[in-house]
Amino acid sequence: MVRCGIRSYSREHHIFLIGNACHMNPEEIMRRLETLRLEHRDLDAAIMALADSAARDDLQIARLKKRKLRLRDEIAVLEDALIPDIIA
């Protein structure tokens, strides 16, 4: 099992993510990370394509960027869950 650290985050979804990471084994976390990283790259490509298109939709671009940031947050939480605590 992965370590379950208590963190103070201002948004509720971070607490939810940390709780979920605590109940996942390292293999499940790695699979989830791979999926999230792929989705993050796909969103990046979609954002660039929308930004370069003639029918630029700034609202849609903003939504995609927000989704991309949420993915980045979830990736960071899961990566952190894989790193063991070091007691100094």
N, C-alpha and C. Protein backbone atom coordinates (compact mmCIF):
# COMPACT_ATOMS: atom_id res chain seq x y z
N MET A 1 0.83 -1.19 0.00
CA MET A 1 0.00 0.00 0.00
C MET A 1 0.87 1.25 0.00
N VAL A 2 0.29 2.34 -0.38
CA VAL A 2 0.99 3.61 -0.48
C VAL A 2 0.79 4.38 0.82
N ARG A 3 1.73 5.25 1.09
CA ARG A 3 1.61 6.07 2.29
C ARG A 3 0.42 7.02 2.16
N CYS A 4 -0.13 7.38 3.28
CA CYS A 4 -1.29 8.27 3.29
C CYS A 4 -0.97 9.49 4.14
N GLY A 5 -0.43 10.49 3.51
CA GLY A 5 -0.08 11.71 4.23
C GLY A 5 -1.28 12.62 4.38
N ILE A 6 -1.31 13.36 5.43
CA ILE A 6 -2.35 14.35 5.65
C ILE A 6 -1.82 15.68 5.14
N ARG A 7 -2.52 16.29 4.24
CA ARG A 7 -2.10 17.55 3.65
C ARG A 7 -3.20 18.58 3.84
N SER A 8 -2.82 19.80 3.85
CA SER A 8 -3.79 20.89 3.95
C SER A 8 -3.92 21.55 2.59
N TYR A 9 -5.02 21.29 1.93
CA TYR A 9 -5.31 21.89 0.63
C TYR A 9 -6.57 22.72 0.74
N SER A 10 -6.63 23.77 -0.02
CA SER A 10 -7.76 24.66 0.08
C SER A 10 -8.98 24.14 -0.67
N ARG A 11 -8.74 23.27 -1.64
CA ARG A 11 -9.86 22.77 -2.42
C ARG A 11 -10.21 21.35 -2.00
N GLU A 12 -11.51 21.06 -1.98
CA GLU A 12 -11.99 19.76 -1.51
C GLU A 12 -11.52 18.62 -2.39
N HIS A 13 -11.38 18.84 -3.69
CA HIS A 13 -11.01 17.73 -4.56
C HIS A 13 -9.60 17.23 -4.27
N HIS A 14 -8.74 18.07 -3.72
CA HIS A 14 -7.40 17.61 -3.35
C HIS A 14 -7.49 16.60 -2.21
N ILE A 15 -8.35 16.86 -1.25
CA ILE A 15 -8.54 15.95 -0.13
C ILE A 15 -9.10 14.63 -0.64
N PHE A 16 -10.03 14.71 -1.58
CA PHE A 16 -10.60 13.51 -2.19
C PHE A 16 -9.51 12.71 -2.90
N LEU A 17 -8.66 13.39 -3.66
CA LEU A 17 -7.59 12.72 -4.40
C LEU A 17 -6.62 12.02 -3.45
N ILE A 18 -6.28 12.69 -2.38
CA ILE A 18 -5.34 12.11 -1.42
C ILE A 18 -5.96 10.87 -0.79
N GLY A 19 -7.23 10.95 -0.46
CA GLY A 19 -7.92 9.79 0.11
C GLY A 19 -7.95 8.62 -0.85
N ASN A 20 -8.20 8.88 -2.13
CA ASN A 20 -8.21 7.82 -3.12
C ASN A 20 -6.83 7.22 -3.30
N ALA A 21 -5.80 8.03 -3.30
CA ALA A 21 -4.44 7.54 -3.47
C ALA A 21 -4.05 6.61 -2.33
N CYS A 22 -4.59 6.83 -1.17
CA CYS A 22 -4.28 5.99 -0.01
C CYS A 22 -4.80 4.57 -0.17
N HIS A 23 -5.83 4.40 -0.98
CA HIS A 23 -6.46 3.09 -1.14
C HIS A 23 -6.04 2.41 -2.43
N MET A 24 -5.02 2.91 -3.09
CA MET A 24 -4.54 2.34 -4.33
C MET A 24 -3.15 1.74 -4.11
N ASN A 25 -2.89 0.62 -4.75
CA ASN A 25 -1.53 0.07 -4.66
C ASN A 25 -0.67 0.77 -5.71
N PRO A 26 0.64 0.64 -5.61
CA PRO A 26 1.53 1.37 -6.53
C PRO A 26 1.28 1.07 -8.01
N GLU A 27 0.90 -0.16 -8.34
CA GLU A 27 0.62 -0.49 -9.73
C GLU A 27 -0.61 0.27 -10.25
N GLU A 28 -1.63 0.36 -9.41
CA GLU A 28 -2.83 1.10 -9.79
C GLU A 28 -2.51 2.59 -9.97
N ILE A 29 -1.68 3.11 -9.10
CA ILE A 29 -1.29 4.52 -9.21
C ILE A 29 -0.53 4.76 -10.50
N MET A 30 0.39 3.85 -10.84
CA MET A 30 1.16 4.01 -12.07
C MET A 30 0.26 3.97 -13.31
N ARG A 31 -0.72 3.07 -13.31
CA ARG A 31 -1.67 3.01 -14.44
C ARG A 31 -2.48 4.29 -14.53
N ARG A 32 -2.94 4.78 -13.40
CA ARG A 32 -3.71 6.02 -13.38
C ARG A 32 -2.85 7.20 -13.84
N LEU A 33 -1.60 7.24 -13.41
CA LEU A 33 -0.70 8.30 -13.84
C LEU A 33 -0.50 8.28 -15.35
N GLU A 34 -0.34 7.11 -15.91
CA GLU A 34 -0.17 7.00 -17.36
C GLU A 34 -1.39 7.54 -18.10
N THR A 35 -2.57 7.20 -17.62
CA THR A 35 -3.81 7.68 -18.22
C THR A 35 -3.92 9.20 -18.11
N LEU A 36 -3.62 9.73 -16.94
CA LEU A 36 -3.71 11.17 -16.73
C LEU A 36 -2.70 11.94 -17.57
N ARG A 37 -1.49 11.42 -17.67
CA ARG A 37 -0.47 12.08 -18.49
C ARG A 37 -0.85 12.11 -19.95
N LEU A 38 -1.45 11.02 -20.44
CA LEU A 38 -1.91 10.97 -21.82
C LEU A 38 -3.01 12.00 -22.06
N GLU A 39 -3.97 12.06 -21.12
CA GLU A 39 -5.06 13.03 -21.24
C GLU A 39 -4.51 14.46 -21.17
N HIS A 40 -3.51 14.69 -20.34
CA HIS A 40 -2.89 16.01 -20.21
C HIS A 40 -2.25 16.43 -21.53
N ARG A 41 -1.53 15.49 -22.18
CA ARG A 41 -0.91 15.78 -23.48
C ARG A 41 -1.97 16.04 -24.55
N ASP A 42 -3.04 15.25 -24.51
CA ASP A 42 -4.13 15.44 -25.49
C ASP A 42 -4.78 16.81 -25.32
N LEU A 43 -4.98 17.22 -24.08
CA LEU A 43 -5.55 18.54 -23.83
C LEU A 43 -4.63 19.64 -24.33
N ASP A 44 -3.35 19.46 -24.14
CA ASP A 44 -2.37 20.44 -24.62
C ASP A 44 -2.48 20.59 -26.13
N ALA A 45 -2.58 19.47 -26.84
CA ALA A 45 -2.72 19.52 -28.30
C ALA A 45 -4.03 20.17 -28.71
N ALA A 46 -5.10 19.87 -27.98
CA ALA A 46 -6.41 20.46 -28.29
C ALA A 46 -6.40 21.97 -28.06
N ILE A 47 -5.76 22.40 -26.99
CA ILE A 47 -5.67 23.83 -26.69
C ILE A 47 -4.90 24.55 -27.79
N MET A 48 -3.78 23.98 -28.20
CA MET A 48 -2.99 24.61 -29.26
C MET A 48 -3.77 24.66 -30.58
N ALA A 49 -4.48 23.59 -30.88
CA ALA A 49 -5.26 23.56 -32.12
C ALA A 49 -6.37 24.61 -32.10
N LEU A 50 -7.05 24.72 -30.94
CA LEU A 50 -8.11 25.72 -30.83
C LEU A 50 -7.55 27.13 -30.90
N ALA A 51 -6.42 27.35 -30.27
CA ALA A 51 -5.81 28.68 -30.27
C ALA A 51 -5.38 29.11 -31.68
N ASP A 52 -4.98 28.14 -32.49
CA ASP A 52 -4.52 28.44 -33.84
C ASP A 52 -5.65 28.46 -34.88
N SER A 53 -6.84 28.01 -34.50
CA SER A 53 -7.93 27.92 -35.47
C SER A 53 -8.54 29.29 -35.74
N ALA A 54 -9.19 29.39 -36.90
CA ALA A 54 -9.84 30.64 -37.30
C ALA A 54 -11.05 30.92 -36.41
N ALA A 55 -11.75 29.87 -36.02
CA ALA A 55 -12.93 30.02 -35.17
C ALA A 55 -12.53 29.83 -33.71
N ARG A 56 -11.67 30.69 -33.23
CA ARG A 56 -11.13 30.60 -31.88
C ARG A 56 -12.24 30.81 -30.85
N ASP A 57 -12.34 29.87 -29.91
CA ASP A 57 -13.35 29.93 -28.85
C ASP A 57 -12.62 30.08 -27.51
N ASP A 58 -12.50 31.33 -27.06
CA ASP A 58 -11.73 31.61 -25.85
C ASP A 58 -12.33 30.96 -24.60
N LEU A 59 -13.64 30.84 -24.55
CA LEU A 59 -14.28 30.21 -23.40
C LEU A 59 -13.92 28.72 -23.36
N GLN A 60 -13.97 28.07 -24.50
CA GLN A 60 -13.62 26.65 -24.56
C GLN A 60 -12.15 26.44 -24.22
N ILE A 61 -11.30 27.33 -24.71
CA ILE A 61 -9.87 27.24 -24.39
C ILE A 61 -9.65 27.38 -22.88
N ALA A 62 -10.34 28.32 -22.26
CA ALA A 62 -10.22 28.52 -20.81
C ALA A 62 -10.67 27.27 -20.05
N ARG A 63 -11.75 26.65 -20.51
CA ARG A 63 -12.24 25.43 -19.85
C ARG A 63 -11.22 24.30 -19.98
N LEU A 64 -10.65 24.16 -21.15
CA LEU A 64 -9.66 23.12 -21.36
C LEU A 64 -8.41 23.36 -20.51
N LYS A 65 -8.01 24.61 -20.39
CA LYS A 65 -6.85 24.94 -19.56
C LYS A 65 -7.12 24.63 -18.10
N LYS A 66 -8.35 24.91 -17.65
CA LYS A 66 -8.71 24.62 -16.26
C LYS A 66 -8.69 23.11 -16.02
N ARG A 67 -9.22 22.35 -16.98
CA ARG A 67 -9.21 20.89 -16.87
C ARG A 67 -7.76 20.38 -16.84
N LYS A 68 -6.91 20.98 -17.65
CA LYS A 68 -5.51 20.59 -17.70
C LYS A 68 -4.83 20.83 -16.35
N LEU A 69 -5.14 21.95 -15.70
CA LEU A 69 -4.58 22.24 -14.38
C LEU A 69 -5.07 21.25 -13.33
N ARG A 70 -6.34 20.86 -13.41
CA ARG A 70 -6.86 19.86 -12.47
C ARG A 70 -6.14 18.53 -12.67
N LEU A 71 -5.90 18.17 -13.93
CA LEU A 71 -5.15 16.94 -14.20
C LEU A 71 -3.74 17.03 -13.62
N ARG A 72 -3.10 18.18 -13.79
CA ARG A 72 -1.75 18.37 -13.27
C ARG A 72 -1.74 18.22 -11.74
N ASP A 73 -2.77 18.75 -11.08
CA ASP A 73 -2.88 18.61 -9.63
C ASP A 73 -3.02 17.14 -9.23
N GLU A 74 -3.88 16.41 -9.95
CA GLU A 74 -4.08 15.01 -9.63
C GLU A 74 -2.80 14.21 -9.88
N ILE A 75 -2.10 14.52 -10.96
CA ILE A 75 -0.83 13.85 -11.25
C ILE A 75 0.16 14.10 -10.11
N ALA A 76 0.24 15.33 -9.64
CA ALA A 76 1.17 15.67 -8.55
C ALA A 76 0.83 14.90 -7.27
N VAL A 77 -0.44 14.80 -6.96
CA VAL A 77 -0.86 14.08 -5.75
C VAL A 77 -0.49 12.60 -5.86
N LEU A 78 -0.75 12.01 -7.02
CA LEU A 78 -0.45 10.60 -7.19
C LEU A 78 1.07 10.35 -7.20
N GLU A 79 1.83 11.23 -7.83
CA GLU A 79 3.29 11.08 -7.81
C GLU A 79 3.81 11.19 -6.39
N ASP A 80 3.24 12.09 -5.62
CA ASP A 80 3.66 12.27 -4.23
C ASP A 80 3.33 11.02 -3.40
N ALA A 81 2.22 10.35 -3.74
CA ALA A 81 1.83 9.16 -3.00
C ALA A 81 2.81 8.01 -3.21
N LEU A 82 3.54 8.05 -4.32
CA LEU A 82 4.51 6.98 -4.61
C LEU A 82 5.84 7.18 -3.87
N ILE A 83 6.08 8.39 -3.39
CA ILE A 83 7.35 8.69 -2.72
C ILE A 83 7.19 8.39 -1.22
N PRO A 84 8.04 7.54 -0.68
CA PRO A 84 7.92 7.20 0.74
C PRO A 84 8.28 8.39 1.63
N ASP A 85 7.66 8.42 2.79
CA ASP A 85 8.00 9.47 3.78
C ASP A 85 9.42 9.24 4.28
N ILE A 86 10.14 10.32 4.42
CA ILE A 86 11.48 10.25 4.98
C ILE A 86 11.47 11.00 6.31
N ILE A 87 11.75 10.26 7.35
CA ILE A 87 11.76 10.88 8.67
C ILE A 87 13.16 11.39 8.95
N ALA A 88 13.25 12.69 9.13
CA ALA A 88 14.57 13.29 9.33
C ALA A 88 14.94 13.31 10.79
